[in-house]
Amino acid sequence: MVKNDPMHIDHVVYAAGPAGLDEEAARFEDLLGVKSVDGGLHPRFGTRLRLIPMADARHIELVEVLDHPVADKAPYGQAVRARSELGGGWLGWAISVDDLSELEQRLSRRSAIGTRHFPDGRLLEWRQLGIKGLMADPQLPYFIRWLSEPSVLPSALPAEVTLVELDIAGSRARVEQWLGRSVDEVSETVSLRFESPSGYPGLTAVTLDAPKGRIRI
């Protein structure tokens, strides 16, 4: 397998169900014993989000699609809408990298620019790759390269939650083919548990250590 720049499990994404983003965020807050943070809007994707910071430069992204034409055109907006229409749930997981060029070449894909403004007006920018891969095969992570300075990244937020384990309905070999390396080189302190899909493929459960104890969602 080809080794490139270090890969890091950056965040997990949960698409809101019929109750909407605010109710979903309140449920997570109650389960974990922490407060979520208003993450603002994805103007290029037609979505809005709330964040729950996690230790080790990670976070949970709680997201809902907006009733806006851009959401029907942007792959990320399409992916969120599709998952929400299934009742909501875990949409996927994201890997941060220092350089996307090797992945762009190997996967024959171009990364897309992403931006969002915090409620206080600060701008966050990044590039991402692999949303269409996620849509076609939901077990696959997508990739992100942060462009903004560290002070505005989600990892700068104080965290009381730690990511412990990801349960993935799918094939370890397929994910490793996509990553271009062993999942052991990516997982760090996070356990990745693969199981054969019996229903909806992809990320099925996330285990977290939080103020209310060890929680599996």
N, C-alpha and C. Protein backbone atom coordinates (compact mmCIF):
# COMPACT_ATOMS: atom_id res chain seq x y z
N MET A 1 0.83 -1.19 0.00
CA MET A 1 0.00 0.00 0.00
C MET A 1 0.87 1.26 0.00
N VAL A 2 0.37 2.30 -0.63
CA VAL A 2 1.13 3.54 -0.71
C VAL A 2 0.98 4.32 0.58
N LYS A 3 2.09 4.77 1.13
CA LYS A 3 2.04 5.62 2.32
C LYS A 3 2.20 7.07 1.88
N ASN A 4 1.31 7.93 2.38
CA ASN A 4 1.42 9.34 2.07
C ASN A 4 1.46 10.12 3.38
N ASP A 5 0.99 11.34 3.36
CA ASP A 5 1.02 12.15 4.58
C ASP A 5 0.19 11.50 5.67
N PRO A 6 0.50 11.81 6.92
CA PRO A 6 -0.24 11.20 8.03
C PRO A 6 -1.75 11.41 7.91
N MET A 7 -2.48 10.37 8.25
CA MET A 7 -3.94 10.42 8.25
C MET A 7 -4.43 10.34 9.69
N HIS A 8 -5.49 11.09 9.97
CA HIS A 8 -6.00 11.19 11.33
C HIS A 8 -7.52 11.16 11.29
N ILE A 9 -8.14 10.31 12.10
CA ILE A 9 -9.60 10.34 12.19
C ILE A 9 -10.00 11.69 12.77
N ASP A 10 -10.67 12.50 11.95
CA ASP A 10 -10.94 13.89 12.30
C ASP A 10 -12.32 14.10 12.92
N HIS A 11 -13.34 13.54 12.28
CA HIS A 11 -14.68 13.70 12.85
C HIS A 11 -15.63 12.64 12.32
N VAL A 12 -16.75 12.51 13.00
CA VAL A 12 -17.84 11.64 12.57
C VAL A 12 -19.07 12.52 12.34
N VAL A 13 -19.90 12.11 11.40
CA VAL A 13 -21.02 12.95 10.96
C VAL A 13 -22.34 12.22 11.21
N TYR A 14 -23.27 12.93 11.85
CA TYR A 14 -24.60 12.39 12.13
C TYR A 14 -25.63 13.29 11.47
N ALA A 15 -26.43 12.72 10.57
CA ALA A 15 -27.48 13.46 9.88
C ALA A 15 -28.75 13.46 10.70
N ALA A 16 -29.31 14.63 10.92
CA ALA A 16 -30.52 14.76 11.72
C ALA A 16 -31.69 14.04 11.06
N GLY A 17 -32.56 13.49 11.90
CA GLY A 17 -33.77 12.83 11.43
C GLY A 17 -34.93 13.80 11.31
N PRO A 18 -36.15 13.30 11.30
CA PRO A 18 -37.33 14.16 11.10
C PRO A 18 -37.50 15.26 12.14
N ALA A 19 -36.98 15.05 13.36
CA ALA A 19 -37.14 16.05 14.41
C ALA A 19 -36.30 17.30 14.16
N GLY A 20 -35.29 17.19 13.32
CA GLY A 20 -34.48 18.35 12.99
C GLY A 20 -33.20 18.44 13.82
N LEU A 21 -32.35 19.36 13.42
CA LEU A 21 -31.02 19.48 14.01
C LEU A 21 -31.06 19.85 15.49
N ASP A 22 -31.88 20.82 15.85
CA ASP A 22 -31.88 21.28 17.24
C ASP A 22 -32.31 20.18 18.20
N GLU A 23 -33.33 19.42 17.82
CA GLU A 23 -33.77 18.32 18.68
C GLU A 23 -32.72 17.21 18.75
N GLU A 24 -32.05 16.96 17.63
CA GLU A 24 -31.01 15.94 17.60
C GLU A 24 -29.84 16.35 18.48
N ALA A 25 -29.47 17.63 18.41
CA ALA A 25 -28.38 18.13 19.25
C ALA A 25 -28.74 18.03 20.73
N ALA A 26 -29.99 18.35 21.07
CA ALA A 26 -30.42 18.25 22.46
C ALA A 26 -30.36 16.80 22.94
N ARG A 27 -30.67 15.85 22.08
CA ARG A 27 -30.60 14.44 22.46
C ARG A 27 -29.15 14.03 22.74
N PHE A 28 -28.24 14.44 21.88
CA PHE A 28 -26.83 14.13 22.09
C PHE A 28 -26.32 14.78 23.38
N GLU A 29 -26.71 16.01 23.60
CA GLU A 29 -26.28 16.71 24.82
C GLU A 29 -26.74 15.97 26.06
N ASP A 30 -27.99 15.49 26.04
CA ASP A 30 -28.52 14.77 27.19
C ASP A 30 -27.81 13.43 27.38
N LEU A 31 -27.55 12.73 26.28
CA LEU A 31 -26.87 11.43 26.37
C LEU A 31 -25.46 11.56 26.91
N LEU A 32 -24.74 12.59 26.47
CA LEU A 32 -23.32 12.72 26.78
C LEU A 32 -23.04 13.59 27.99
N GLY A 33 -23.94 14.51 28.30
CA GLY A 33 -23.70 15.42 29.41
C GLY A 33 -22.81 16.59 29.04
N VAL A 34 -22.86 17.02 27.78
CA VAL A 34 -22.08 18.17 27.32
C VAL A 34 -22.97 19.07 26.47
N LYS A 35 -22.47 20.25 26.15
CA LYS A 35 -23.18 21.17 25.29
C LYS A 35 -22.59 21.14 23.88
N SER A 36 -23.44 21.26 22.89
CA SER A 36 -22.97 21.37 21.51
C SER A 36 -22.72 22.84 21.19
N VAL A 37 -22.04 23.07 20.08
CA VAL A 37 -21.66 24.41 19.65
C VAL A 37 -22.26 24.68 18.29
N ASP A 38 -22.81 25.87 18.09
CA ASP A 38 -23.36 26.26 16.79
C ASP A 38 -22.23 26.34 15.78
N GLY A 39 -22.26 25.50 14.77
CA GLY A 39 -21.21 25.48 13.76
C GLY A 39 -21.50 26.33 12.54
N GLY A 40 -22.68 26.94 12.48
CA GLY A 40 -23.01 27.81 11.36
C GLY A 40 -23.51 27.04 10.15
N LEU A 41 -23.34 27.65 8.99
CA LEU A 41 -23.87 27.13 7.73
C LEU A 41 -22.74 26.70 6.79
N HIS A 42 -23.04 25.69 5.96
CA HIS A 42 -22.19 25.33 4.82
C HIS A 42 -22.85 25.97 3.59
N PRO A 43 -22.49 27.18 3.22
CA PRO A 43 -23.19 27.83 2.10
C PRO A 43 -23.00 27.12 0.77
N ARG A 44 -21.87 26.43 0.58
CA ARG A 44 -21.63 25.73 -0.67
C ARG A 44 -22.36 24.39 -0.75
N PHE A 45 -22.78 23.88 0.42
CA PHE A 45 -23.38 22.55 0.47
C PHE A 45 -24.86 22.56 0.82
N GLY A 46 -25.37 23.70 1.29
CA GLY A 46 -26.78 23.77 1.65
C GLY A 46 -27.11 23.02 2.93
N THR A 47 -26.23 23.10 3.92
CA THR A 47 -26.45 22.42 5.20
C THR A 47 -26.10 23.35 6.36
N ARG A 48 -26.61 23.02 7.53
CA ARG A 48 -26.19 23.71 8.74
C ARG A 48 -25.85 22.67 9.79
N LEU A 49 -25.06 23.06 10.79
CA LEU A 49 -24.54 22.05 11.70
C LEU A 49 -24.33 22.59 13.10
N ARG A 50 -24.23 21.62 14.02
CA ARG A 50 -23.77 21.86 15.38
C ARG A 50 -22.63 20.88 15.65
N LEU A 51 -21.69 21.29 16.50
CA LEU A 51 -20.50 20.49 16.78
C LEU A 51 -20.45 20.08 18.25
N ILE A 52 -19.92 18.90 18.48
CA ILE A 52 -19.55 18.47 19.83
C ILE A 52 -18.06 18.17 19.78
N PRO A 53 -17.24 19.02 20.43
CA PRO A 53 -15.79 18.81 20.39
C PRO A 53 -15.41 17.50 21.08
N MET A 54 -14.34 16.87 20.58
CA MET A 54 -13.79 15.69 21.20
C MET A 54 -12.29 15.88 21.40
N ALA A 55 -11.73 15.12 22.32
CA ALA A 55 -10.29 15.16 22.56
C ALA A 55 -9.54 14.67 21.34
N ASP A 56 -8.24 14.92 21.32
CA ASP A 56 -7.35 14.44 20.25
C ASP A 56 -7.70 15.03 18.90
N ALA A 57 -8.10 16.31 18.90
CA ALA A 57 -8.37 17.03 17.65
C ALA A 57 -9.45 16.36 16.82
N ARG A 58 -10.56 16.00 17.48
CA ARG A 58 -11.69 15.37 16.80
C ARG A 58 -12.98 16.07 17.21
N HIS A 59 -14.05 15.78 16.46
CA HIS A 59 -15.35 16.33 16.84
C HIS A 59 -16.47 15.52 16.20
N ILE A 60 -17.66 15.69 16.74
CA ILE A 60 -18.89 15.15 16.14
C ILE A 60 -19.57 16.29 15.38
N GLU A 61 -19.95 16.02 14.16
CA GLU A 61 -20.69 16.99 13.37
C GLU A 61 -22.14 16.52 13.25
N LEU A 62 -23.05 17.30 13.80
CA LEU A 62 -24.48 17.05 13.69
C LEU A 62 -24.99 17.98 12.59
N VAL A 63 -25.64 17.45 11.58
CA VAL A 63 -25.91 18.25 10.38
C VAL A 63 -27.32 18.00 9.87
N GLU A 64 -27.90 19.04 9.28
CA GLU A 64 -29.17 18.89 8.57
C GLU A 64 -29.11 19.67 7.27
N VAL A 65 -29.86 19.21 6.30
CA VAL A 65 -29.89 19.86 5.00
C VAL A 65 -30.90 21.00 5.03
N LEU A 66 -30.62 22.05 4.28
CA LEU A 66 -31.51 23.20 4.19
C LEU A 66 -32.40 23.08 2.96
N ASP A 67 -33.53 23.74 3.01
CA ASP A 67 -34.43 23.80 1.86
C ASP A 67 -33.91 24.88 0.92
N HIS A 68 -32.86 24.53 0.18
CA HIS A 68 -32.20 25.51 -0.69
C HIS A 68 -31.70 24.78 -1.93
N PRO A 69 -31.77 25.42 -3.11
CA PRO A 69 -31.37 24.74 -4.34
C PRO A 69 -29.94 24.22 -4.33
N VAL A 70 -29.02 24.88 -3.62
CA VAL A 70 -27.63 24.44 -3.62
C VAL A 70 -27.50 23.05 -3.01
N ALA A 71 -28.39 22.71 -2.07
CA ALA A 71 -28.33 21.39 -1.43
C ALA A 71 -28.63 20.27 -2.41
N ASP A 72 -29.38 20.58 -3.46
CA ASP A 72 -29.71 19.56 -4.46
C ASP A 72 -28.58 19.35 -5.47
N LYS A 73 -27.63 20.29 -5.51
CA LYS A 73 -26.54 20.21 -6.47
C LYS A 73 -25.24 19.73 -5.84
N ALA A 74 -25.01 20.07 -4.58
CA ALA A 74 -23.76 19.73 -3.92
C ALA A 74 -23.80 18.28 -3.42
N PRO A 75 -22.77 17.48 -3.70
CA PRO A 75 -22.76 16.09 -3.23
C PRO A 75 -22.97 15.96 -1.72
N TYR A 76 -22.38 16.85 -0.93
CA TYR A 76 -22.54 16.72 0.52
C TYR A 76 -24.00 16.96 0.91
N GLY A 77 -24.62 17.99 0.33
CA GLY A 77 -26.03 18.24 0.61
C GLY A 77 -26.90 17.06 0.19
N GLN A 78 -26.57 16.46 -0.94
CA GLN A 78 -27.32 15.29 -1.41
C GLN A 78 -27.16 14.12 -0.44
N ALA A 79 -25.93 13.92 0.06
CA ALA A 79 -25.67 12.82 0.99
C ALA A 79 -26.42 13.01 2.30
N VAL A 80 -26.43 14.24 2.81
CA VAL A 80 -27.14 14.51 4.06
C VAL A 80 -28.64 14.30 3.87
N ARG A 81 -29.18 14.81 2.77
CA ARG A 81 -30.61 14.66 2.53
C ARG A 81 -31.00 13.18 2.43
N ALA A 82 -30.19 12.41 1.72
CA ALA A 82 -30.50 10.98 1.55
C ALA A 82 -30.52 10.26 2.89
N ARG A 83 -29.56 10.56 3.77
CA ARG A 83 -29.51 9.89 5.07
C ARG A 83 -30.66 10.35 5.96
N SER A 84 -30.96 11.63 5.91
CA SER A 84 -32.08 12.15 6.71
C SER A 84 -33.40 11.55 6.27
N GLU A 85 -33.57 11.34 4.97
CA GLU A 85 -34.82 10.77 4.45
C GLU A 85 -34.97 9.30 4.85
N LEU A 86 -33.87 8.67 5.25
CA LEU A 86 -33.94 7.30 5.79
C LEU A 86 -34.21 7.29 7.29
N GLY A 87 -34.43 8.47 7.85
CA GLY A 87 -34.72 8.57 9.28
C GLY A 87 -33.61 9.19 10.09
N GLY A 88 -32.51 9.55 9.41
CA GLY A 88 -31.37 10.12 10.11
C GLY A 88 -30.45 9.03 10.64
N GLY A 89 -29.28 9.44 11.10
CA GLY A 89 -28.32 8.49 11.66
C GLY A 89 -26.91 8.84 11.24
N TRP A 90 -26.00 7.94 11.54
CA TRP A 90 -24.60 8.19 11.20
C TRP A 90 -24.42 8.22 9.69
N LEU A 91 -23.86 9.32 9.21
CA LEU A 91 -23.64 9.49 7.78
C LEU A 91 -22.27 8.97 7.36
N GLY A 92 -21.26 9.19 8.20
CA GLY A 92 -19.93 8.75 7.82
C GLY A 92 -18.86 9.26 8.75
N TRP A 93 -17.61 9.04 8.32
CA TRP A 93 -16.46 9.47 9.10
C TRP A 93 -15.47 10.14 8.18
N ALA A 94 -14.70 11.07 8.74
CA ALA A 94 -13.78 11.88 7.93
C ALA A 94 -12.36 11.74 8.44
N ILE A 95 -11.43 11.69 7.49
CA ILE A 95 -10.01 11.57 7.76
C ILE A 95 -9.33 12.88 7.35
N SER A 96 -8.57 13.48 8.25
CA SER A 96 -7.81 14.68 7.88
C SER A 96 -6.42 14.29 7.42
N VAL A 97 -5.93 15.03 6.43
CA VAL A 97 -4.60 14.80 5.87
C VAL A 97 -3.92 16.15 5.69
N ASP A 98 -2.59 16.13 5.55
CA ASP A 98 -1.84 17.35 5.33
C ASP A 98 -1.77 17.74 3.86
N ASP A 99 -1.99 16.76 2.98
CA ASP A 99 -1.86 16.99 1.54
C ASP A 99 -2.82 16.05 0.81
N LEU A 100 -3.67 16.60 -0.04
CA LEU A 100 -4.64 15.79 -0.77
C LEU A 100 -4.15 15.37 -2.15
N SER A 101 -3.01 15.86 -2.58
CA SER A 101 -2.60 15.65 -3.97
C SER A 101 -2.42 14.17 -4.31
N GLU A 102 -1.82 13.38 -3.41
CA GLU A 102 -1.62 11.96 -3.71
C GLU A 102 -2.96 11.25 -3.82
N LEU A 103 -3.89 11.59 -2.95
CA LEU A 103 -5.22 10.99 -2.99
C LEU A 103 -5.96 11.39 -4.26
N GLU A 104 -5.84 12.65 -4.65
CA GLU A 104 -6.48 13.10 -5.89
C GLU A 104 -5.96 12.31 -7.08
N GLN A 105 -4.68 12.08 -7.12
CA GLN A 105 -4.09 11.34 -8.23
C GLN A 105 -4.48 9.87 -8.19
N ARG A 106 -4.37 9.25 -7.01
CA ARG A 106 -4.63 7.81 -6.92
C ARG A 106 -6.10 7.49 -7.14
N LEU A 107 -7.00 8.34 -6.63
CA LEU A 107 -8.43 8.08 -6.74
C LEU A 107 -9.05 8.73 -7.97
N SER A 108 -8.24 9.47 -8.73
CA SER A 108 -8.72 10.14 -9.94
C SER A 108 -9.91 11.04 -9.64
N ARG A 109 -9.75 11.83 -8.60
CA ARG A 109 -10.80 12.76 -8.18
C ARG A 109 -10.17 14.09 -7.81
N ARG A 110 -10.93 15.16 -7.91
CA ARG A 110 -10.45 16.48 -7.49
C ARG A 110 -11.16 16.87 -6.20
N SER A 111 -10.41 17.48 -5.31
CA SER A 111 -11.01 17.94 -4.06
C SER A 111 -11.85 19.19 -4.30
N ALA A 112 -12.82 19.40 -3.42
CA ALA A 112 -13.71 20.56 -3.51
C ALA A 112 -13.45 21.49 -2.33
N ILE A 113 -13.60 22.78 -2.56
CA ILE A 113 -13.42 23.75 -1.49
C ILE A 113 -14.65 23.74 -0.59
N GLY A 114 -14.42 23.90 0.70
CA GLY A 114 -15.52 24.01 1.66
C GLY A 114 -15.31 25.23 2.53
N THR A 115 -16.38 25.92 2.85
CA THR A 115 -16.31 27.09 3.73
C THR A 115 -17.53 27.12 4.62
N ARG A 116 -17.37 27.72 5.77
CA ARG A 116 -18.53 28.07 6.59
C ARG A 116 -18.14 29.19 7.53
N HIS A 117 -19.13 29.97 7.90
CA HIS A 117 -18.93 31.06 8.84
C HIS A 117 -19.50 30.68 10.19
N PHE A 118 -18.72 30.93 11.23
CA PHE A 118 -19.24 30.79 12.58
C PHE A 118 -20.26 31.90 12.82
N PRO A 119 -21.14 31.73 13.82
CA PRO A 119 -22.11 32.79 14.11
C PRO A 119 -21.47 34.15 14.39
N ASP A 120 -20.20 34.15 14.88
CA ASP A 120 -19.53 35.43 15.15
C ASP A 120 -18.83 36.00 13.92
N GLY A 121 -18.98 35.34 12.77
CA GLY A 121 -18.44 35.87 11.53
C GLY A 121 -17.11 35.29 11.09
N ARG A 122 -16.43 34.54 11.93
CA ARG A 122 -15.15 33.95 11.54
C ARG A 122 -15.34 32.93 10.41
N LEU A 123 -14.39 32.90 9.51
CA LEU A 123 -14.46 32.02 8.35
C LEU A 123 -13.58 30.79 8.55
N LEU A 124 -14.14 29.63 8.27
CA LEU A 124 -13.39 28.37 8.30
C LEU A 124 -13.34 27.84 6.87
N GLU A 125 -12.13 27.45 6.43
CA GLU A 125 -11.96 26.96 5.06
C GLU A 125 -11.22 25.62 5.06
N TRP A 126 -11.57 24.77 4.10
CA TRP A 126 -10.92 23.48 3.94
C TRP A 126 -11.14 22.98 2.52
N ARG A 127 -10.48 21.90 2.18
CA ARG A 127 -10.75 21.17 0.95
C ARG A 127 -11.14 19.74 1.34
N GLN A 128 -12.07 19.16 0.60
CA GLN A 128 -12.50 17.80 0.90
C GLN A 128 -12.62 16.98 -0.37
N LEU A 129 -12.50 15.68 -0.18
CA LEU A 129 -12.50 14.74 -1.30
C LEU A 129 -13.15 13.44 -0.84
N GLY A 130 -13.98 12.86 -1.70
CA GLY A 130 -14.51 11.54 -1.42
C GLY A 130 -15.97 11.47 -1.03
N ILE A 131 -16.70 12.58 -1.11
CA ILE A 131 -18.13 12.53 -0.75
C ILE A 131 -18.90 11.63 -1.72
N LYS A 132 -18.56 11.68 -3.00
CA LYS A 132 -19.24 10.80 -3.95
C LYS A 132 -18.90 9.34 -3.68
N GLY A 133 -17.67 9.08 -3.22
CA GLY A 133 -17.31 7.73 -2.83
C GLY A 133 -18.13 7.27 -1.64
N LEU A 134 -18.32 8.15 -0.68
CA LEU A 134 -19.16 7.86 0.48
C LEU A 134 -20.60 7.57 0.06
N MET A 135 -21.12 8.35 -0.88
CA MET A 135 -22.49 8.14 -1.34
C MET A 135 -22.65 6.79 -2.03
N ALA A 136 -21.63 6.40 -2.81
CA ALA A 136 -21.71 5.13 -3.53
C ALA A 136 -21.46 3.95 -2.61
N ASP A 137 -20.63 4.13 -1.58
CA ASP A 137 -20.24 3.05 -0.69
C ASP A 137 -20.05 3.64 0.71
N PRO A 138 -21.12 3.72 1.52
CA PRO A 138 -21.10 4.48 2.77
C PRO A 138 -20.11 4.02 3.83
N GLN A 139 -19.47 2.87 3.65
CA GLN A 139 -18.46 2.46 4.61
C GLN A 139 -17.18 3.29 4.48
N LEU A 140 -16.99 3.94 3.32
CA LEU A 140 -15.75 4.65 3.04
C LEU A 140 -15.72 6.01 3.72
N PRO A 141 -14.60 6.37 4.33
CA PRO A 141 -14.47 7.73 4.86
C PRO A 141 -14.23 8.72 3.73
N TYR A 142 -14.48 10.00 3.99
CA TYR A 142 -14.02 11.01 3.06
C TYR A 142 -12.83 11.74 3.70
N PHE A 143 -12.15 12.55 2.89
CA PHE A 143 -10.90 13.16 3.32
C PHE A 143 -11.05 14.68 3.38
N ILE A 144 -10.33 15.27 4.32
CA ILE A 144 -10.40 16.71 4.51
C ILE A 144 -9.02 17.26 4.80
N ARG A 145 -8.73 18.41 4.22
CA ARG A 145 -7.50 19.14 4.54
C ARG A 145 -7.90 20.53 5.01
N TRP A 146 -7.62 20.82 6.27
CA TRP A 146 -7.96 22.12 6.83
C TRP A 146 -7.02 23.18 6.28
N LEU A 147 -7.58 24.33 5.89
CA LEU A 147 -6.79 25.43 5.33
C LEU A 147 -6.67 26.60 6.30
N SER A 148 -7.60 26.73 7.22
CA SER A 148 -7.60 27.87 8.14
C SER A 148 -6.57 27.68 9.24
N GLU A 149 -6.27 28.76 9.91
CA GLU A 149 -5.31 28.72 11.01
C GLU A 149 -5.88 27.92 12.17
N PRO A 150 -5.03 27.31 13.00
CA PRO A 150 -5.49 26.41 14.06
C PRO A 150 -6.50 27.02 15.02
N SER A 151 -6.45 28.32 15.25
CA SER A 151 -7.31 28.93 16.27
C SER A 151 -8.79 28.87 15.92
N VAL A 152 -9.14 28.68 14.64
CA VAL A 152 -10.56 28.62 14.26
C VAL A 152 -11.02 27.21 13.93
N LEU A 153 -10.12 26.24 14.02
CA LEU A 153 -10.51 24.87 13.72
C LEU A 153 -11.35 24.29 14.85
N PRO A 154 -12.20 23.30 14.56
CA PRO A 154 -12.97 22.66 15.64
C PRO A 154 -12.09 22.09 16.74
N SER A 155 -10.87 21.68 16.39
CA SER A 155 -9.96 21.11 17.39
C SER A 155 -9.52 22.11 18.44
N ALA A 156 -9.77 23.41 18.21
CA ALA A 156 -9.40 24.43 19.19
C ALA A 156 -10.42 24.56 20.31
N LEU A 157 -11.58 23.93 20.16
CA LEU A 157 -12.63 24.03 21.16
C LEU A 157 -12.33 23.10 22.35
N PRO A 158 -12.66 23.51 23.57
CA PRO A 158 -12.46 22.63 24.72
C PRO A 158 -13.34 21.39 24.63
N ALA A 159 -12.79 20.24 25.02
CA ALA A 159 -13.49 18.97 24.82
C ALA A 159 -13.59 18.18 26.11
N GLU A 160 -14.75 17.53 26.28
CA GLU A 160 -14.97 16.63 27.42
C GLU A 160 -15.34 15.22 26.96
N VAL A 161 -15.27 14.99 25.66
CA VAL A 161 -15.67 13.71 25.07
C VAL A 161 -14.47 13.12 24.34
N THR A 162 -14.33 11.80 24.41
CA THR A 162 -13.25 11.10 23.71
C THR A 162 -13.84 10.01 22.83
N LEU A 163 -13.38 9.93 21.60
CA LEU A 163 -13.82 8.89 20.67
C LEU A 163 -13.11 7.58 21.01
N VAL A 164 -13.90 6.52 21.21
CA VAL A 164 -13.35 5.23 21.63
C VAL A 164 -13.38 4.21 20.49
N GLU A 165 -14.53 4.09 19.81
CA GLU A 165 -14.67 3.02 18.83
C GLU A 165 -15.66 3.41 17.74
N LEU A 166 -15.38 2.95 16.51
CA LEU A 166 -16.31 3.05 15.40
C LEU A 166 -16.72 1.65 14.98
N ASP A 167 -18.02 1.43 14.85
CA ASP A 167 -18.54 0.18 14.30
C ASP A 167 -18.91 0.45 12.84
N ILE A 168 -18.32 -0.33 11.94
CA ILE A 168 -18.51 -0.11 10.51
C ILE A 168 -19.03 -1.38 9.86
N ALA A 169 -20.20 -1.28 9.24
CA ALA A 169 -20.74 -2.40 8.47
C ALA A 169 -20.09 -2.35 7.10
N GLY A 170 -19.15 -3.26 6.88
CA GLY A 170 -18.44 -3.24 5.62
C GLY A 170 -17.20 -4.10 5.66
N SER A 171 -16.28 -3.83 4.77
CA SER A 171 -15.09 -4.65 4.58
C SER A 171 -13.83 -3.87 4.94
N ARG A 172 -13.07 -4.39 5.88
CA ARG A 172 -11.80 -3.77 6.23
C ARG A 172 -10.90 -3.65 5.00
N ALA A 173 -10.86 -4.70 4.18
CA ALA A 173 -10.01 -4.70 2.99
C ALA A 173 -10.42 -3.59 2.03
N ARG A 174 -11.73 -3.37 1.85
CA ARG A 174 -12.19 -2.31 0.94
C ARG A 174 -11.81 -0.93 1.47
N VAL A 175 -11.96 -0.73 2.77
CA VAL A 175 -11.59 0.56 3.36
C VAL A 175 -10.08 0.79 3.23
N GLU A 176 -9.29 -0.25 3.46
CA GLU A 176 -7.84 -0.11 3.34
C GLU A 176 -7.42 0.18 1.90
N GLN A 177 -8.13 -0.42 0.94
CA GLN A 177 -7.86 -0.11 -0.47
C GLN A 177 -8.10 1.36 -0.75
N TRP A 178 -9.17 1.89 -0.20
CA TRP A 178 -9.54 3.30 -0.37
C TRP A 178 -8.52 4.22 0.30
N LEU A 179 -8.10 3.84 1.51
CA LEU A 179 -7.13 4.65 2.25
C LEU A 179 -5.73 4.59 1.64
N GLY A 180 -5.40 3.45 1.03
CA GLY A 180 -4.06 3.24 0.55
C GLY A 180 -3.09 2.83 1.63
N ARG A 181 -3.62 2.31 2.73
CA ARG A 181 -2.81 1.88 3.87
C ARG A 181 -3.67 1.09 4.83
N SER A 182 -3.04 0.47 5.81
CA SER A 182 -3.76 -0.28 6.83
C SER A 182 -4.56 0.67 7.71
N VAL A 183 -5.73 0.22 8.14
CA VAL A 183 -6.51 1.05 9.06
C VAL A 183 -5.78 1.24 10.38
N ASP A 184 -4.87 0.34 10.72
CA ASP A 184 -4.11 0.48 11.96
C ASP A 184 -3.23 1.73 11.94
N GLU A 185 -2.85 2.19 10.76
CA GLU A 185 -2.04 3.39 10.64
C GLU A 185 -2.87 4.66 10.77
N VAL A 186 -4.18 4.52 10.74
CA VAL A 186 -5.09 5.66 10.79
C VAL A 186 -5.80 5.76 12.13
N SER A 187 -6.08 4.60 12.72
CA SER A 187 -6.99 4.57 13.88
C SER A 187 -6.38 5.16 15.14
N GLU A 188 -5.07 5.12 15.31
CA GLU A 188 -4.42 5.65 16.51
C GLU A 188 -5.04 5.00 17.75
N THR A 189 -5.67 5.79 18.62
CA THR A 189 -6.26 5.26 19.85
C THR A 189 -7.69 4.79 19.67
N VAL A 190 -8.25 4.92 18.46
CA VAL A 190 -9.64 4.57 18.20
C VAL A 190 -9.70 3.15 17.66
N SER A 191 -10.60 2.35 18.21
CA SER A 191 -10.81 0.99 17.72
C SER A 191 -11.80 1.02 16.54
N LEU A 192 -11.44 0.33 15.46
CA LEU A 192 -12.34 0.20 14.31
C LEU A 192 -12.81 -1.24 14.24
N ARG A 193 -14.11 -1.43 14.35
CA ARG A 193 -14.68 -2.78 14.36
C ARG A 193 -15.52 -2.97 13.11
N PHE A 194 -15.11 -3.91 12.27
CA PHE A 194 -15.82 -4.17 11.01
C PHE A 194 -16.71 -5.41 11.16
N GLU A 195 -17.89 -5.32 10.57
CA GLU A 195 -18.83 -6.45 10.58
C GLU A 195 -19.55 -6.50 9.24
N SER A 196 -19.97 -7.66 8.83
CA SER A 196 -20.67 -7.81 7.56
C SER A 196 -22.00 -7.06 7.62
N PRO A 197 -22.32 -6.27 6.60
CA PRO A 197 -23.57 -5.51 6.61
C PRO A 197 -24.79 -6.41 6.62
N SER A 198 -25.74 -6.11 7.48
CA SER A 198 -27.02 -6.83 7.49
C SER A 198 -28.16 -5.91 7.07
N GLY A 199 -27.85 -4.63 6.92
CA GLY A 199 -28.85 -3.66 6.50
C GLY A 199 -28.13 -2.50 5.83
N TYR A 200 -28.31 -1.29 6.36
CA TYR A 200 -27.67 -0.10 5.80
C TYR A 200 -26.17 -0.18 6.04
N PRO A 201 -25.34 -0.14 4.97
CA PRO A 201 -23.89 -0.23 5.16
C PRO A 201 -23.32 1.09 5.66
N GLY A 202 -22.10 1.02 6.18
CA GLY A 202 -21.43 2.24 6.62
C GLY A 202 -21.21 2.28 8.11
N LEU A 203 -21.08 3.47 8.63
CA LEU A 203 -20.87 3.68 10.06
C LEU A 203 -22.18 3.43 10.79
N THR A 204 -22.19 2.44 11.66
CA THR A 204 -23.43 2.04 12.34
C THR A 204 -23.50 2.47 13.79
N ALA A 205 -22.37 2.63 14.46
CA ALA A 205 -22.37 3.01 15.88
C ALA A 205 -21.05 3.67 16.23
N VAL A 206 -21.12 4.55 17.21
CA VAL A 206 -19.93 5.25 17.71
C VAL A 206 -19.94 5.16 19.23
N THR A 207 -18.82 4.74 19.80
CA THR A 207 -18.68 4.65 21.25
C THR A 207 -17.82 5.79 21.75
N LEU A 208 -18.28 6.45 22.80
CA LEU A 208 -17.64 7.66 23.32
C LEU A 208 -17.50 7.59 24.83
N ASP A 209 -16.42 8.15 25.34
CA ASP A 209 -16.29 8.41 26.76
C ASP A 209 -16.68 9.85 27.00
N ALA A 210 -17.63 10.08 27.90
CA ALA A 210 -18.20 11.40 28.12
C ALA A 210 -18.44 11.60 29.61
N PRO A 211 -18.81 12.81 30.03
CA PRO A 211 -19.10 13.04 31.45
C PRO A 211 -20.14 12.10 32.04
N LYS A 212 -21.05 11.56 31.21
CA LYS A 212 -22.04 10.63 31.70
C LYS A 212 -21.60 9.18 31.57
N GLY A 213 -20.33 8.96 31.25
CA GLY A 213 -19.81 7.61 31.17
C GLY A 213 -19.54 7.17 29.75
N ARG A 214 -19.36 5.88 29.55
CA ARG A 214 -19.12 5.34 28.21
C ARG A 214 -20.48 5.13 27.53
N ILE A 215 -20.66 5.79 26.38
CA ILE A 215 -21.94 5.80 25.67
C ILE A 215 -21.74 5.27 24.27
N ARG A 216 -22.62 4.38 23.85
CA ARG A 216 -22.62 3.89 22.47
C ARG A 216 -23.87 4.40 21.77
N ILE A 217 -23.69 5.12 20.68
CA ILE A 217 -24.80 5.74 19.96
C ILE A 217 -24.85 5.15 18.55
